[in-house]
Amino acid sequence: MASFLMVYAEYCNGYLQVVGIYREMRKNKKLLTFIDARQAETGQGLSLSDYLIMPVQRIPRYVLLLKVMRWLLLINDAKLLTIFLGIIEEYFFGSSRLC
């Protein structure tokens, strides 16, 4: 579990730097053409920057899900969720290593 959380923490830490690099790289017309062509091929309508933000958004969504689940469960069943929620919130939001 710890290695799973560390991957997300590392990704989030580097996210802003990656976005800056991506913006600079988009100035290259050949690369921009290539990226746009790949985007059109997927048919998803999502850009590379949309995909880059997804992991950063995932953890807050998990936190919200766990809070709703805790609220819906009986008090006895909610104890484990409360512990897990506390671990995630402390790891991701209780430290300065995340964006």
Protein backbone atom coordinates (compact mmCIF):
# COMPACT_ATOMS: atom_id res chain seq x y z
CA MET A 1 0.00 0.00 0.00
CA ALA A 2 2.80 2.41 0.87
CA SER A 3 4.46 1.99 -2.54
CA PHE A 4 1.09 2.63 -4.21
CA LEU A 5 0.72 5.90 -2.31
CA MET A 6 4.32 6.86 -2.99
CA VAL A 7 3.77 6.60 -6.75
CA TYR A 8 0.88 9.04 -6.53
CA ALA A 9 2.84 11.36 -4.28
CA GLU A 10 5.78 11.41 -6.68
CA TYR A 11 3.52 11.99 -9.67
CA CYS A 12 1.75 14.87 -7.95
CA ASN A 13 5.05 16.41 -6.90
CA GLY A 14 6.27 16.46 -10.48
CA TYR A 15 2.97 17.38 -12.10
CA LEU A 16 3.46 21.14 -12.29
CA GLN A 17 6.94 20.70 -13.75
CA VAL A 18 5.62 18.27 -16.37
CA VAL A 19 2.83 20.67 -17.34
CA GLY A 20 5.41 23.44 -17.82
CA ILE A 21 7.58 21.19 -19.97
CA TYR A 22 4.52 20.11 -21.98
CA ARG A 23 3.59 23.75 -22.63
CA GLU A 24 7.09 24.47 -23.90
CA MET A 25 7.12 21.36 -26.07
CA ARG A 26 3.82 22.36 -27.69
CA LYS A 27 5.69 25.26 -29.32
CA ASN A 28 7.33 22.67 -31.58
CA LYS A 29 4.98 22.49 -34.59
CA LYS A 30 5.99 18.96 -35.59
CA LEU A 31 5.38 17.66 -32.08
CA LEU A 32 2.10 19.55 -31.85
CA THR A 33 0.96 17.99 -35.12
CA PHE A 34 1.91 14.53 -33.86
CA ILE A 35 0.11 15.01 -30.52
CA ASP A 36 -3.00 16.39 -32.20
CA ALA A 37 -3.06 13.47 -34.64
CA ARG A 38 -2.82 10.93 -31.80
CA GLN A 39 -5.60 12.77 -29.97
CA ALA A 40 -7.82 12.60 -33.05
CA GLU A 41 -7.11 8.87 -33.40
CA THR A 42 -8.35 8.09 -29.90
CA GLY A 43 -11.78 9.54 -30.57
CA GLN A 44 -12.04 10.37 -26.87
CA GLY A 45 -11.85 14.14 -27.22
CA LEU A 46 -9.32 14.28 -24.40
CA SER A 47 -5.99 16.04 -24.75
CA LEU A 48 -2.67 14.87 -23.34
CA SER A 49 -3.00 17.48 -20.59
CA ASP A 50 -6.40 15.96 -19.69
CA TYR A 51 -4.71 12.60 -19.21
CA LEU A 52 -1.84 14.13 -17.24
CA ILE A 53 -4.20 15.62 -14.62
CA MET A 54 -6.22 12.43 -14.06
CA PRO A 55 -3.89 10.82 -11.47
CA VAL A 56 -3.72 14.11 -9.55
CA GLN A 57 -7.53 14.23 -9.36
CA ARG A 58 -7.91 10.58 -8.38
CA ILE A 59 -6.87 10.75 -4.70
CA PRO A 60 -9.26 13.59 -3.76
CA ARG A 61 -12.03 11.57 -5.42
CA TYR A 62 -11.12 8.54 -3.30
CA VAL A 63 -11.21 10.69 -0.18
CA LEU A 64 -14.68 11.97 -1.07
CA LEU A 65 -15.87 8.44 -1.84
CA LEU A 66 -14.60 7.14 1.50
CA LYS A 67 -16.28 10.01 3.36
CA VAL A 68 -19.60 9.23 1.70
CA MET A 69 -19.19 5.52 2.40
CA ARG A 70 -18.37 6.23 6.04
CA TRP A 71 -21.46 8.41 6.31
CA LEU A 72 -23.66 5.69 4.81
CA LEU A 73 -22.34 2.81 6.90
CA LEU A 74 -23.30 1.91 10.43
CA ILE A 75 -20.96 3.16 13.16
CA ASN A 76 -19.29 -0.25 13.69
CA ASP A 77 -18.67 -0.75 9.98
CA ALA A 78 -17.33 2.76 9.57
CA LYS A 79 -14.37 2.32 11.95
CA LEU A 80 -12.09 0.72 9.35
CA LEU A 81 -13.07 3.29 6.73
CA THR A 82 -12.32 6.08 9.18
CA ILE A 83 -8.84 4.67 9.81
CA PHE A 84 -8.15 4.26 6.07
CA LEU A 85 -9.47 7.74 5.34
CA GLY A 86 -7.21 9.19 8.01
CA ILE A 87 -4.17 7.46 6.49
CA ILE A 88 -4.93 8.77 3.00
CA GLU A 89 -5.71 12.30 4.14
CA GLU A 90 -2.57 12.50 6.27
CA TYR A 91 -0.36 11.09 3.54
CA PHE A 92 -1.66 13.32 0.77
CA PHE A 93 -2.96 16.43 2.46
CA GLY A 94 -1.03 16.52 5.73
CA SER A 95 2.36 16.99 4.15
CA SER A 96 4.01 19.64 2.02
CA ARG A 97 5.25 17.15 -0.58
CA LEU A 98 2.09 17.31 -2.67
CA CYS A 99 0.76 19.97 -4.98
